[in-house]
Amino acid sequence: MNKCNVCQKPCKNRCSRCQQTYYCSKACQKQDYKDHKEICVTQQPNVRVIVPNFKREYAEKYPREKSQIQLLARVQGNLQFNEDSIDKILQFNDNKIRRWRSWSKELSDFLSSPRQIGDIFARTTPIPYFSDTGSCALSFSNTHKQSLSLNQGKVHVAVGFVDLDLLLQATIVQSEDSTEQANKFIGYEGSVYAVAKTNVIVEMMMGKAPVRSIIEVWFSTVWTIETLKYFETAAKNVLQFENAPNDKPPNPTKKELHPEVRSLISHWCQSVSSPKSRKNAHDLWASTFDRADSIFAIVPNLVEPRDRVQVARHILTGEFPLMNDQQSKNLVASITMFNCNDGISPHSTSEFMLHMMPMNAILPKYQRENTSFLDALYNFLEDAITKVCTWLSPPIEMMEIYLHFQMVTSDDSGLLNSIKQLNASTMSWSNICDYFPACDFHKLIKACSGSNTVHVMSSMNWVTEVFGGHITDYDDSRVRRKILIDARKMILESGPTIDSSGYFRYDQIFKHPHNISNVFLARRVKDNWQSHFFRGQAVDNVDVSFSQYAHTHRIHELLNISFRYNHLT
């Protein structure tokens, strides 16, 4: 039942002009006139916004793929329904458990007391830190990373690295304390799969494998036979690493393999002789992702039909690059995605390569008329990976990479001391701060920080600690409508600054109203959370910022954070 926009009583009558806002009586409508007249025109009821028919476009290119076409038809229908039902969505009180991540008595007490915008919910019970214990291993990072400046000759420690995406935009810079030695990138990761796969990719880079093969192993469900051969050679080379110790932390600057990592790579080597087919890869990929996933909202927001078809194809098959130019006999399923042991199951639900692409570094370089969207992504990866290969290989050898299967926890003093002794110039922490109370997280990173270490990280879930950071925190549907309008205006103004040739639409975007609105609300409460996060900490060089809006981002409220502590010894 629809509700009156003023008194919230159930009603059936609505504004005759916009046909969107409901009133139970003329008195309520008159009371709301001043506020409503400002937004009535913007709702444009007489011009129904139609989602581009990407299902038909895909069917014209791939007419035999009946199940995929049916899926796209269902997704397109859902997107159109959301567009036609914005007013009802804005009135609906969404599941607050999802908005706040998890429910607890302390959260119930927090919400039941009077609240103001920006109030902090400082939960005392930490959210368990996700650790890949075999299933749902991440094939690649699921968020875009900020650019990283690495001081020449110094150490970078990456905690929770997942893959090498931090290096894609990284630069090596000179400073007064730079040295002529090679940079050291030392990674610690709690995922057997991530450590195994990334070690093989590093070996492919050092062995000068074709960049396309490196991209396929890193991102694609389907490989060429040539890639399979380069992968096998690199995997066998990694198996020559020594064993990591069982009774103490790994040696940070030694290439070692934990027994579980060695077991997985050995299994991959054995699987090379009998890879699955391309069709197997497509079927296995399609069976894992959520068929109602918001990833499909990227498709109608692309301007070119060419790009809509190609991106839909990538989402449906997981191929990157698309393998339409290859003969079927030359293609096999990814060994790393579909031939794992011990119950490891890569490609978790909702995991897509598009999420990690830094649009601010890609879109400004290309013109929509000349370069397809997927080609722009490929060109970025080709250039970035070529750069990293140059750093790793003779004669340059500007960087050494050491990757370890090891969780970094506050109760492992031996490990923390070994990291501290590295005196890292920079440390990255993925989004691990999302799983600790702020004071506990600072205690952890201080224990392994050097005297002048710059710490970089991101937070995906910070808005679950701030009242007012989500549209469901506002009960008045009039306020919600105004928030949505302001959010659309902000996206319209900011999007084209990185997308000058217009790969995407920004005037009328197809995305759930909550996701659009929260782009705006996150900016409203960001300073409140920042003050909470750094309260009581002696820090400087603090930078807490948002990335520019991009349709491909999985989390539009993602915060990029960097700082260093004062007076650490």
Protein backbone atom coordinates (compact mmCIF):
# COMPACT_ATOMS: atom_id res chain seq x y z
CA MET A 1 0.00 0.00 0.00
CA ASN A 2 1.27 3.47 -0.88
CA LYS A 3 1.61 6.03 1.91
CA CYS A 4 0.76 9.71 2.13
CA ASN A 5 3.88 11.80 1.69
CA VAL A 6 2.87 13.96 4.68
CA CYS A 7 1.16 11.87 7.35
CA GLN A 8 2.25 8.42 6.11
CA LYS A 9 -1.32 7.06 6.17
CA PRO A 10 -2.19 4.45 3.51
CA CYS A 11 -3.72 6.10 0.45
CA LYS A 12 -4.39 5.72 -3.28
CA ASN A 13 -4.49 9.31 -4.58
CA ARG A 14 -1.40 11.02 -5.97
CA CYS A 15 -0.22 14.27 -7.47
CA SER A 16 -1.99 14.75 -10.80
CA ARG A 17 1.09 16.32 -12.38
CA CYS A 18 3.91 13.95 -11.52
CA GLN A 19 1.84 10.87 -10.68
CA GLN A 20 4.59 9.86 -8.29
CA THR A 21 3.84 11.35 -4.86
CA TYR A 22 0.83 10.16 -2.85
CA TYR A 23 -1.53 12.16 -0.60
CA CYS A 24 -4.45 11.02 1.52
CA SER A 25 -6.23 14.38 1.35
CA LYS A 26 -6.20 17.83 -0.21
CA ALA A 27 -5.09 19.20 3.14
CA CYS A 28 -1.94 17.07 3.14
CA GLN A 29 -1.22 17.97 -0.47
CA LYS A 30 -1.59 21.68 0.33
CA GLN A 31 0.71 21.32 3.34
CA ASP A 32 3.37 19.72 1.13
CA TYR A 33 3.00 22.16 -1.78
CA LYS A 34 6.07 24.31 -1.08
CA ASP A 35 8.48 21.37 -0.83
CA HIS A 36 6.87 19.27 -3.52
CA LYS A 37 6.75 21.91 -6.25
CA GLU A 38 10.57 22.01 -6.32
CA ILE A 39 10.85 18.35 -7.19
CA CYS A 40 7.59 17.66 -9.02
CA VAL A 41 9.01 18.72 -12.37
CA THR A 42 12.14 16.61 -11.97
CA GLN A 43 10.10 13.41 -11.71
CA GLN A 44 8.95 13.69 -15.34
CA PRO A 45 6.03 11.24 -15.18
CA ASN A 46 4.93 11.68 -18.75
CA VAL A 47 8.25 10.55 -20.20
CA ARG A 48 8.89 6.99 -19.13
CA VAL A 49 12.62 6.30 -19.00
CA ILE A 50 13.26 3.10 -20.93
CA VAL A 51 16.17 0.80 -20.17
CA PRO A 52 18.16 0.13 -23.38
CA ASN A 53 17.16 -3.19 -24.90
CA PHE A 54 20.50 -4.91 -24.33
CA LYS A 55 18.79 -8.30 -24.36
CA ARG A 56 17.82 -7.79 -28.00
CA GLU A 57 21.25 -6.41 -28.87
CA TYR A 58 22.91 -9.48 -27.35
CA ALA A 59 20.48 -11.84 -29.12
CA GLU A 60 21.37 -10.32 -32.48
CA LYS A 61 25.05 -11.10 -31.85
CA TYR A 62 24.60 -14.48 -30.11
CA PRO A 63 21.21 -15.84 -31.29
CA ARG A 64 21.89 -19.44 -30.19
CA GLU A 65 22.52 -18.63 -26.54
CA LYS A 66 18.94 -19.07 -25.36
CA SER A 67 19.58 -19.34 -21.61
CA GLN A 68 21.82 -16.27 -21.59
CA ILE A 69 19.22 -14.29 -23.56
CA GLN A 70 16.52 -15.33 -21.08
CA LEU A 71 18.72 -14.24 -18.18
CA LEU A 72 19.34 -10.85 -19.78
CA ALA A 73 15.61 -10.44 -20.40
CA ARG A 74 14.91 -11.06 -16.72
CA VAL A 75 17.65 -8.66 -15.63
CA GLN A 76 16.44 -5.99 -18.05
CA GLY A 77 12.92 -6.39 -16.71
CA ASN A 78 14.12 -5.99 -13.13
CA LEU A 79 16.02 -2.82 -14.01
CA GLN A 80 12.96 -1.39 -15.75
CA PHE A 81 10.78 -2.30 -12.76
CA ASN A 82 13.14 -0.45 -10.43
CA GLU A 83 13.04 2.58 -12.72
CA ASP A 84 9.24 2.53 -12.81
CA SER A 85 8.92 1.99 -9.05
CA ILE A 86 11.25 4.61 -7.60
CA ASP A 87 8.56 6.17 -5.43
CA LYS A 88 7.61 2.83 -3.87
CA ILE A 89 11.25 1.94 -3.32
CA LEU A 90 11.85 5.24 -1.58
CA GLN A 91 8.95 4.56 0.79
CA PHE A 92 10.06 1.04 1.63
CA ASN A 93 12.02 0.51 4.84
CA ASP A 94 14.81 -1.77 3.73
CA ASN A 95 16.19 -4.57 5.89
CA LYS A 96 18.19 -2.78 8.57
CA ILE A 97 20.29 -5.86 9.28
CA ARG A 98 21.77 -5.52 5.81
CA ARG A 99 22.25 -1.78 6.18
CA TRP A 100 24.17 -2.20 9.47
CA ARG A 101 26.02 -5.42 8.42
CA SER A 102 24.87 -7.44 11.44
CA TRP A 103 22.32 -7.13 14.21
CA SER A 104 23.12 -7.05 17.91
CA LYS A 105 21.65 -5.80 21.15
CA GLU A 106 24.09 -2.90 21.19
CA LEU A 107 22.91 -1.86 17.72
CA SER A 108 19.29 -2.16 18.81
CA ASP A 109 20.01 0.08 21.79
CA PHE A 110 21.83 2.55 19.54
CA LEU A 111 18.94 2.83 17.08
CA SER A 112 16.23 2.98 19.75
CA SER A 113 17.70 6.11 21.32
CA PRO A 114 17.43 9.59 19.73
CA ARG A 115 19.94 9.92 16.92
CA GLN A 116 21.49 12.77 14.96
CA ILE A 117 23.08 12.64 11.51
CA GLY A 118 26.72 11.67 11.93
CA ASP A 119 26.34 9.76 15.21
CA ILE A 120 28.87 6.92 15.41
CA PHE A 121 27.91 3.35 16.21
CA ALA A 122 31.17 2.07 17.70
CA ARG A 123 30.48 -1.65 17.92
CA THR A 124 32.47 -3.44 20.60
CA THR A 125 32.10 -6.87 19.00
CA PRO A 126 34.32 -7.04 15.91
CA ILE A 127 33.10 -8.56 12.66
CA PRO A 128 35.08 -11.79 12.05
CA TYR A 129 37.83 -11.13 9.54
CA PHE A 130 37.21 -13.15 6.38
CA SER A 131 39.81 -15.80 5.76
CA ASP A 132 39.78 -18.04 2.71
CA THR A 133 39.67 -21.51 4.24
CA GLY A 134 39.10 -23.24 0.95
CA SER A 135 35.88 -21.95 -0.56
CA CYS A 136 35.01 -18.64 -2.22
CA ALA A 137 38.61 -17.68 -2.93
CA LEU A 138 38.96 -14.32 -4.63
CA SER A 139 40.34 -14.64 -8.15
CA PHE A 140 41.28 -10.97 -8.12
CA SER A 141 40.67 -7.82 -6.11
CA ASN A 142 37.08 -6.63 -5.96
CA THR A 143 37.69 -2.92 -5.45
CA HIS A 144 39.76 -0.31 -7.27
CA LYS A 145 42.94 0.84 -5.55
CA GLN A 146 44.48 4.26 -5.09
CA SER A 147 47.74 5.13 -6.84
CA LEU A 148 50.80 4.21 -4.80
CA SER A 149 54.18 5.98 -4.77
CA LEU A 150 57.04 3.65 -3.83
CA ASN A 151 60.25 5.18 -2.54
CA GLN A 152 63.14 3.81 -4.63
CA GLY A 153 65.13 1.11 -2.88
CA LYS A 154 62.67 0.79 0.01
CA VAL A 155 60.26 -1.86 1.29
CA HIS A 156 56.51 -2.05 0.78
CA VAL A 157 54.55 -4.53 2.91
CA ALA A 158 51.13 -5.53 1.55
CA VAL A 159 48.81 -7.16 4.07
CA GLY A 160 45.86 -8.91 2.41
CA PHE A 161 47.21 -8.33 -1.09
CA VAL A 162 44.90 -10.77 -3.00
CA ASP A 163 46.78 -10.01 -6.24
CA LEU A 164 49.19 -7.42 -7.66
CA ASP A 165 46.63 -4.74 -8.45
CA LEU A 166 48.44 -2.29 -6.15
CA LEU A 167 51.33 -2.27 -8.61
CA LEU A 168 49.23 -1.51 -11.68
CA GLN A 169 49.12 2.22 -10.94
CA ALA A 170 52.21 2.37 -8.72
CA THR A 171 55.21 4.53 -9.49
CA ILE A 172 58.75 4.31 -8.14
CA VAL A 173 59.89 7.76 -7.04
CA GLN A 174 63.12 9.36 -5.88
CA SER A 175 63.44 11.06 -2.51
CA GLU A 176 66.27 12.18 -0.25
CA ASP A 177 66.41 8.77 1.45
CA SER A 178 66.15 6.66 -1.73
CA THR A 179 68.81 4.03 -2.41
CA GLU A 180 70.13 2.27 -5.49
CA GLN A 181 68.84 -1.09 -4.28
CA ALA A 182 65.81 -2.87 -5.71
CA ASN A 183 62.42 -2.18 -4.17
CA LYS A 184 60.99 -5.04 -2.15
CA PHE A 185 57.27 -5.86 -2.29
CA ILE A 186 56.51 -8.24 0.57
CA GLY A 187 52.99 -9.64 0.74
CA TYR A 188 51.12 -11.45 3.49
CA GLU A 189 47.81 -13.07 2.64
CA GLY A 190 45.46 -15.51 4.40
CA SER A 191 44.28 -17.12 1.15
CA VAL A 192 46.12 -20.20 -0.09
CA TYR A 193 44.66 -19.59 -3.51
CA ALA A 194 45.73 -15.95 -3.79
CA VAL A 195 49.31 -16.74 -2.73
CA ALA A 196 49.58 -19.67 -5.14
CA LYS A 197 48.11 -17.89 -8.15
CA THR A 198 49.97 -14.62 -7.64
CA ASN A 199 53.30 -16.40 -7.22
CA VAL A 200 52.74 -18.07 -10.60
CA ILE A 201 51.81 -14.75 -12.21
CA VAL A 202 54.98 -13.14 -10.82
CA GLU A 203 57.01 -15.99 -12.29
CA MET A 204 55.30 -15.50 -15.67
CA MET A 205 56.24 -11.82 -15.52
CA MET A 206 59.86 -12.60 -14.70
CA GLY A 207 59.94 -15.26 -17.42
CA LYS A 208 58.76 -12.75 -20.03
CA ALA A 209 55.54 -14.57 -20.86
CA PRO A 210 53.33 -12.64 -23.31
CA VAL A 211 51.32 -9.97 -21.55
CA ARG A 212 48.12 -11.40 -23.01
CA SER A 213 48.85 -14.74 -21.32
CA ILE A 214 49.44 -12.99 -17.99
CA ILE A 215 46.11 -11.17 -18.37
CA GLU A 216 44.33 -14.44 -19.17
CA VAL A 217 45.73 -16.24 -16.11
CA TRP A 218 44.94 -13.27 -13.88
CA PHE A 219 41.40 -12.51 -15.09
CA SER A 220 39.90 -14.92 -17.61
CA THR A 221 37.81 -18.07 -17.38
CA VAL A 222 39.22 -19.21 -20.72
CA TRP A 223 42.85 -19.48 -21.83
CA THR A 224 44.58 -20.13 -25.11
CA ILE A 225 46.77 -23.23 -25.43
CA GLU A 226 49.76 -20.90 -25.59
CA THR A 227 48.84 -19.45 -22.20
CA LEU A 228 48.46 -22.94 -20.76
CA LYS A 229 52.06 -23.72 -21.72
CA TYR A 230 53.46 -20.53 -20.20
CA PHE A 231 51.44 -21.18 -17.06
CA GLU A 232 52.80 -24.71 -16.70
CA THR A 233 56.40 -23.54 -17.06
CA ALA A 234 55.95 -20.81 -14.46
CA ALA A 235 54.12 -23.09 -12.01
CA LYS A 236 56.91 -25.66 -12.16
CA ASN A 237 59.46 -22.94 -11.48
CA VAL A 238 57.53 -21.79 -8.41
CA LEU A 239 57.56 -25.35 -7.08
CA GLN A 240 61.36 -25.04 -6.86
CA PHE A 241 60.98 -22.57 -3.98
CA GLU A 242 62.08 -23.82 -0.57
CA ASN A 243 59.59 -24.83 2.11
CA ALA A 244 58.37 -22.18 4.54
CA PRO A 245 59.09 -22.94 8.22
CA ASN A 246 56.35 -24.58 10.28
CA ASP A 247 57.34 -23.22 13.69
CA LYS A 248 57.99 -19.53 13.02
CA PRO A 249 56.99 -16.71 10.69
CA PRO A 250 58.18 -16.90 7.08
CA ASN A 251 61.41 -15.19 6.12
CA PRO A 252 60.09 -11.92 4.62
CA THR A 253 62.71 -11.68 1.88
CA LYS A 254 62.94 -15.32 0.89
CA LYS A 255 60.90 -17.15 -1.74
CA GLU A 256 59.24 -19.91 0.27
CA LEU A 257 56.10 -22.01 -0.10
CA HIS A 258 53.73 -23.10 2.63
CA PRO A 259 52.77 -26.80 2.24
CA GLU A 260 49.16 -25.92 1.35
CA VAL A 261 50.32 -23.48 -1.33
CA ARG A 262 52.70 -26.08 -2.74
CA SER A 263 49.91 -28.66 -2.79
CA LEU A 264 47.62 -26.40 -4.82
CA ILE A 265 50.29 -25.47 -7.38
CA SER A 266 51.25 -29.15 -7.72
CA HIS A 267 47.60 -29.96 -8.36
CA TRP A 268 47.49 -27.31 -11.08
CA CYS A 269 50.55 -28.78 -12.76
CA GLN A 270 48.91 -32.20 -12.79
CA SER A 271 45.72 -30.72 -14.25
CA VAL A 272 47.46 -29.10 -17.22
CA SER A 273 47.38 -32.38 -19.16
CA SER A 274 43.57 -32.61 -19.00
CA PRO A 275 42.05 -29.11 -18.96
CA LYS A 276 38.32 -28.55 -19.14
CA SER A 277 36.72 -27.10 -22.25
CA ARG A 278 35.63 -23.56 -22.99
CA LYS A 279 31.99 -24.63 -22.64
CA ASN A 280 32.77 -26.18 -19.24
CA ALA A 281 34.29 -22.86 -18.21
CA HIS A 282 31.18 -20.92 -19.26
CA ASP A 283 28.86 -23.32 -17.43
CA LEU A 284 30.92 -23.34 -14.24
CA TRP A 285 31.22 -19.56 -14.27
CA ALA A 286 27.48 -19.07 -14.78
CA SER A 287 26.69 -21.46 -11.93
CA THR A 288 28.53 -19.36 -9.36
CA PHE A 289 27.48 -15.75 -9.76
CA ASP A 290 24.24 -14.32 -8.45
CA ARG A 291 21.87 -14.03 -11.38
CA ALA A 292 20.23 -10.96 -9.90
CA ASP A 293 23.59 -9.35 -9.36
CA SER A 294 23.89 -5.59 -9.61
CA ILE A 295 26.87 -6.06 -11.94
CA PHE A 296 24.37 -6.08 -14.82
CA ALA A 297 23.48 -2.45 -14.07
CA ILE A 298 26.75 -1.51 -15.76
CA VAL A 299 25.39 -2.69 -19.12
CA PRO A 300 22.49 -0.26 -19.76
CA ASN A 301 24.58 2.64 -18.47
CA LEU A 302 27.00 2.20 -21.38
CA VAL A 303 26.16 4.48 -24.30
CA GLU A 304 27.32 2.34 -27.24
CA PRO A 305 25.36 -0.84 -28.18
CA ARG A 306 28.76 -2.32 -29.08
CA ASP A 307 29.95 -1.88 -25.51
CA ARG A 308 26.71 -3.13 -23.99
CA VAL A 309 26.97 -6.39 -25.92
CA GLN A 310 30.66 -6.90 -25.14
CA VAL A 311 30.32 -6.18 -21.43
CA ALA A 312 27.26 -8.44 -21.18
CA ARG A 313 29.31 -11.13 -22.89
CA HIS A 314 32.13 -10.68 -20.39
CA ILE A 315 29.74 -10.84 -17.42
CA LEU A 316 28.02 -13.96 -18.74
CA THR A 317 31.18 -15.89 -19.68
CA GLY A 318 34.02 -14.44 -17.60
CA GLU A 319 36.23 -14.24 -20.69
CA PHE A 320 38.79 -11.46 -20.84
CA PRO A 321 39.72 -10.64 -23.46
CA LEU A 322 36.73 -12.03 -25.34
CA MET A 323 37.83 -15.08 -27.29
CA ASN A 324 35.69 -14.59 -30.40
CA ASP A 325 38.85 -14.28 -32.51
CA GLN A 326 40.12 -17.73 -31.45
CA GLN A 327 39.32 -21.19 -32.78
CA SER A 328 37.60 -23.47 -30.26
CA LYS A 329 40.35 -26.09 -30.49
CA ASN A 330 42.82 -23.45 -29.28
CA LEU A 331 40.88 -22.70 -26.07
CA VAL A 332 40.69 -24.35 -22.65
CA ALA A 333 39.14 -23.54 -19.28
CA SER A 334 41.25 -21.68 -16.75
CA ILE A 335 43.25 -24.11 -14.65
CA THR A 336 43.37 -21.76 -11.66
CA MET A 337 39.61 -21.15 -11.61
CA PHE A 338 38.30 -24.62 -12.33
CA ASN A 339 40.97 -27.14 -11.29
CA CYS A 340 41.57 -26.64 -7.56
CA ASN A 341 41.97 -29.11 -4.73
CA ASP A 342 40.90 -29.25 -1.07
CA GLY A 343 37.49 -27.73 -1.81
CA ILE A 344 38.91 -24.42 -3.00
CA SER A 345 36.31 -22.67 -5.15
CA PRO A 346 37.53 -19.49 -6.86
CA HIS A 347 35.24 -16.89 -8.35
CA SER A 348 32.98 -16.13 -5.43
CA THR A 349 29.49 -14.77 -5.91
CA SER A 350 29.46 -11.19 -7.15
CA GLU A 351 33.15 -11.19 -8.12
CA PHE A 352 33.91 -9.42 -11.37
CA MET A 353 37.06 -7.94 -12.84
CA LEU A 354 35.21 -4.74 -13.75
CA HIS A 355 35.00 -3.80 -10.07
CA MET A 356 38.76 -3.37 -9.68
CA MET A 357 39.36 -1.26 -12.77
CA PRO A 358 40.50 2.34 -11.95
CA MET A 359 38.24 4.30 -14.28
CA ASN A 360 39.94 7.61 -13.49
CA ALA A 361 43.15 6.19 -15.03
CA ILE A 362 41.44 4.57 -18.03
CA LEU A 363 38.54 6.61 -19.41
CA PRO A 364 40.40 9.92 -19.96
CA LYS A 365 42.91 8.23 -22.26
CA TYR A 366 40.50 6.89 -24.86
CA GLN A 367 37.74 8.06 -27.17
CA ARG A 368 34.49 6.13 -27.23
CA GLU A 369 34.18 6.44 -31.00
CA ASN A 370 37.56 4.81 -31.65
CA THR A 371 38.11 2.36 -28.79
CA SER A 372 35.61 -0.06 -27.28
CA PHE A 373 35.23 -0.07 -23.51
CA LEU A 374 36.73 -3.56 -23.08
CA ASP A 375 39.62 -2.62 -25.37
CA ALA A 376 40.29 0.41 -23.16
CA LEU A 377 40.48 -1.88 -20.12
CA TYR A 378 42.77 -4.28 -21.96
CA ASN A 379 45.07 -1.48 -23.09
CA PHE A 380 45.36 -0.21 -19.51
CA LEU A 381 46.24 -3.68 -18.22
CA GLU A 382 48.70 -4.29 -21.05
CA ASP A 383 50.59 -1.06 -20.31
CA ALA A 384 50.51 -1.52 -16.52
CA ILE A 385 51.61 -5.16 -16.59
CA THR A 386 54.38 -4.36 -19.08
CA LYS A 387 55.66 -1.77 -16.59
CA VAL A 388 55.71 -4.31 -13.74
CA CYS A 389 57.41 -6.90 -15.97
CA THR A 390 60.12 -4.34 -16.71
CA TRP A 391 60.63 -3.69 -13.00
CA LEU A 392 61.05 -7.40 -12.29
CA SER A 393 63.19 -8.53 -15.19
CA PRO A 394 66.81 -8.03 -16.27
CA PRO A 395 68.46 -5.71 -16.97
CA ILE A 396 66.33 -3.31 -14.87
CA GLU A 397 65.50 -5.49 -11.85
CA MET A 398 64.05 -2.57 -9.90
CA MET A 399 61.76 -4.74 -7.79
CA GLU A 400 61.71 -8.03 -5.91
CA ILE A 401 58.42 -9.66 -4.88
CA TYR A 402 57.99 -12.09 -1.97
CA LEU A 403 54.53 -13.49 -1.21
CA HIS A 404 53.65 -15.45 1.93
CA PHE A 405 50.65 -17.45 3.12
CA GLN A 406 50.30 -15.83 6.51
CA MET A 407 47.56 -14.04 8.43
CA VAL A 408 48.73 -10.90 10.24
CA THR A 409 47.09 -10.91 13.67
CA SER A 410 47.63 -8.96 16.87
CA ASP A 411 48.51 -12.08 18.89
CA ASP A 412 51.46 -13.14 16.69
CA SER A 413 54.25 -11.07 18.23
CA GLY A 414 56.96 -12.92 16.33
CA LEU A 415 55.43 -12.05 12.97
CA LEU A 416 54.74 -8.44 13.98
CA ASN A 417 58.34 -7.99 15.09
CA SER A 418 59.68 -9.48 11.85
CA ILE A 419 57.58 -7.00 9.86
CA LYS A 420 58.59 -4.10 12.10
CA GLN A 421 62.28 -4.87 11.50
CA LEU A 422 61.74 -4.32 7.78
CA ASN A 423 61.13 -0.62 8.55
CA ALA A 424 58.77 -0.45 5.59
CA SER A 425 58.49 2.85 3.78
CA THR A 426 54.86 2.06 2.96
CA MET A 427 52.35 -0.56 4.07
CA SER A 428 48.98 -1.40 2.51
CA TRP A 429 46.16 -3.00 4.45
CA SER A 430 43.43 -3.71 1.90
CA ASN A 431 40.15 -3.10 3.79
CA ILE A 432 41.20 -4.96 6.95
CA CYS A 433 40.24 -1.91 9.03
CA ASP A 434 36.61 -2.89 8.39
CA TYR A 435 37.00 -5.89 10.69
CA PHE A 436 38.39 -4.19 13.82
CA PRO A 437 37.27 -1.53 16.26
CA ALA A 438 39.35 1.52 15.34
CA CYS A 439 41.50 1.46 18.49
CA ASP A 440 42.33 -2.25 18.02
CA PHE A 441 43.27 -1.73 14.39
CA HIS A 442 45.64 1.11 15.23
CA LYS A 443 47.22 -1.06 17.92
CA LEU A 444 47.84 -3.81 15.36
CA ILE A 445 49.48 -1.63 12.73
CA LYS A 446 51.58 0.29 15.23
CA ALA A 447 53.05 -3.04 16.33
CA CYS A 448 54.57 -3.64 12.88
CA SER A 449 55.08 -0.06 11.70
CA GLY A 450 58.49 1.39 10.98
CA SER A 451 59.62 4.76 12.29
CA ASN A 452 58.21 6.67 9.33
CA THR A 453 55.91 4.20 7.60
CA VAL A 454 53.06 5.55 5.49
CA HIS A 455 49.98 3.33 5.82
CA VAL A 456 47.41 3.08 3.02
CA MET A 457 44.11 1.25 3.11
CA SER A 458 40.49 1.45 2.08
CA SER A 459 37.24 1.05 3.96
CA MET A 460 34.21 -0.47 2.28
CA ASN A 461 31.98 -0.73 5.34
CA TRP A 462 32.61 2.47 7.28
CA VAL A 463 29.08 3.69 6.53
CA THR A 464 27.76 0.84 8.70
CA GLU A 465 29.19 2.76 11.66
CA VAL A 466 27.61 6.15 10.93
CA PHE A 467 23.97 7.11 11.31
CA GLY A 468 22.83 9.08 8.29
CA GLY A 469 25.10 7.34 5.80
CA HIS A 470 22.26 5.31 4.24
CA ILE A 471 18.95 6.47 2.83
CA THR A 472 16.96 4.14 5.10
CA ASP A 473 18.13 6.22 8.07
CA TYR A 474 15.74 8.95 6.88
CA ASP A 475 12.10 8.10 7.55
CA ASP A 476 10.45 10.94 5.62
CA SER A 477 9.91 9.95 1.98
CA ARG A 478 10.11 13.63 1.01
CA VAL A 479 13.62 13.79 2.41
CA ARG A 480 14.52 10.59 0.61
CA ARG A 481 13.27 12.02 -2.68
CA LYS A 482 15.35 15.17 -2.19
CA ILE A 483 18.43 13.05 -1.39
CA LEU A 484 17.97 11.06 -4.59
CA ILE A 485 17.65 14.24 -6.65
CA ASP A 486 20.78 15.74 -5.08
CA ALA A 487 22.70 12.51 -5.67
CA ARG A 488 21.72 12.43 -9.34
CA LYS A 489 22.85 16.04 -9.73
CA MET A 490 26.20 15.25 -8.13
CA ILE A 491 26.78 12.26 -10.42
CA LEU A 492 25.76 14.29 -13.47
CA GLU A 493 28.33 16.95 -12.58
CA SER A 494 31.20 14.67 -11.55
CA GLY A 495 30.99 11.70 -13.93
CA PRO A 496 31.99 13.47 -17.16
CA THR A 497 35.14 14.89 -15.55
CA ILE A 498 36.84 11.50 -16.03
CA ASP A 499 34.71 10.32 -18.96
CA SER A 500 34.96 13.17 -21.43
CA SER A 501 34.13 11.05 -24.48
CA GLY A 502 31.04 9.62 -22.80
CA TYR A 503 31.47 5.86 -22.52
CA PHE A 504 28.73 5.99 -19.87
CA ARG A 505 25.50 7.92 -19.35
CA TYR A 506 25.21 10.21 -16.35
CA ASP A 507 22.01 12.15 -17.04
CA GLN A 508 19.68 9.21 -16.44
CA ILE A 509 21.45 6.30 -14.80
CA PHE A 510 20.04 2.84 -14.23
CA LYS A 511 20.91 1.76 -10.72
CA HIS A 512 18.99 1.00 -7.55
CA PRO A 513 17.89 4.29 -5.94
CA HIS A 514 19.58 3.35 -2.67
CA ASN A 515 22.94 2.93 -4.37
CA ILE A 516 22.57 6.27 -6.10
CA SER A 517 21.47 8.09 -2.95
CA ASN A 518 24.25 6.69 -0.81
CA VAL A 519 26.85 8.28 -3.09
CA PHE A 520 25.59 11.63 -1.83
CA LEU A 521 25.00 10.63 1.79
CA ALA A 522 28.49 9.20 2.23
CA ARG A 523 29.93 12.66 1.59
CA ARG A 524 27.60 14.09 4.23
CA VAL A 525 28.90 11.92 7.11
CA LYS A 526 32.48 11.15 6.04
CA ASP A 527 34.09 13.72 8.38
CA ASN A 528 32.24 12.26 11.37
CA TRP A 529 33.65 8.80 10.73
CA GLN A 530 37.13 10.17 10.01
CA SER A 531 37.19 11.92 13.39
CA HIS A 532 36.09 8.68 15.05
CA PHE A 533 38.71 6.58 13.24
CA PHE A 534 41.64 8.82 14.21
CA ARG A 535 40.45 9.82 17.70
CA GLY A 536 43.34 9.65 20.16
CA GLN A 537 45.93 8.87 17.47
CA ALA A 538 49.01 11.03 16.85
CA VAL A 539 49.08 11.00 13.05
CA ASP A 540 50.09 13.30 10.22
CA ASN A 541 50.00 13.34 6.42
CA VAL A 542 46.38 12.25 6.71
CA ASP A 543 44.37 11.89 3.52
CA VAL A 544 40.86 10.43 3.52
CA SER A 545 39.07 10.76 0.21
CA PHE A 546 36.57 9.28 -2.21
CA SER A 547 37.29 8.16 -5.73
CA GLN A 548 35.34 9.91 -8.45
CA TYR A 549 32.05 8.22 -9.27
CA ALA A 550 32.26 5.37 -11.78
CA HIS A 551 29.50 2.98 -12.83
CA THR A 552 31.83 0.00 -12.49
CA HIS A 553 32.63 0.51 -8.82
CA ARG A 554 31.24 -2.18 -6.56
CA ILE A 555 31.24 0.18 -3.59
CA HIS A 556 30.54 3.84 -4.34
CA GLU A 557 31.18 4.86 -0.73
CA LEU A 558 34.71 3.40 -0.70
CA LEU A 559 37.12 5.55 1.31
CA ASN A 560 40.81 5.73 0.42
CA ILE A 561 42.87 6.36 3.55
CA SER A 562 46.55 7.15 4.07
CA PHE A 563 48.51 8.46 7.06
CA ARG A 564 51.57 7.90 9.22
CA TYR A 565 52.09 7.90 12.97
CA ASN A 566 54.14 10.50 14.80
CA HIS A 567 57.09 9.59 17.01
CA LEU A 568 57.16 5.81 16.51
CA THR A 569 60.46 4.16 17.43
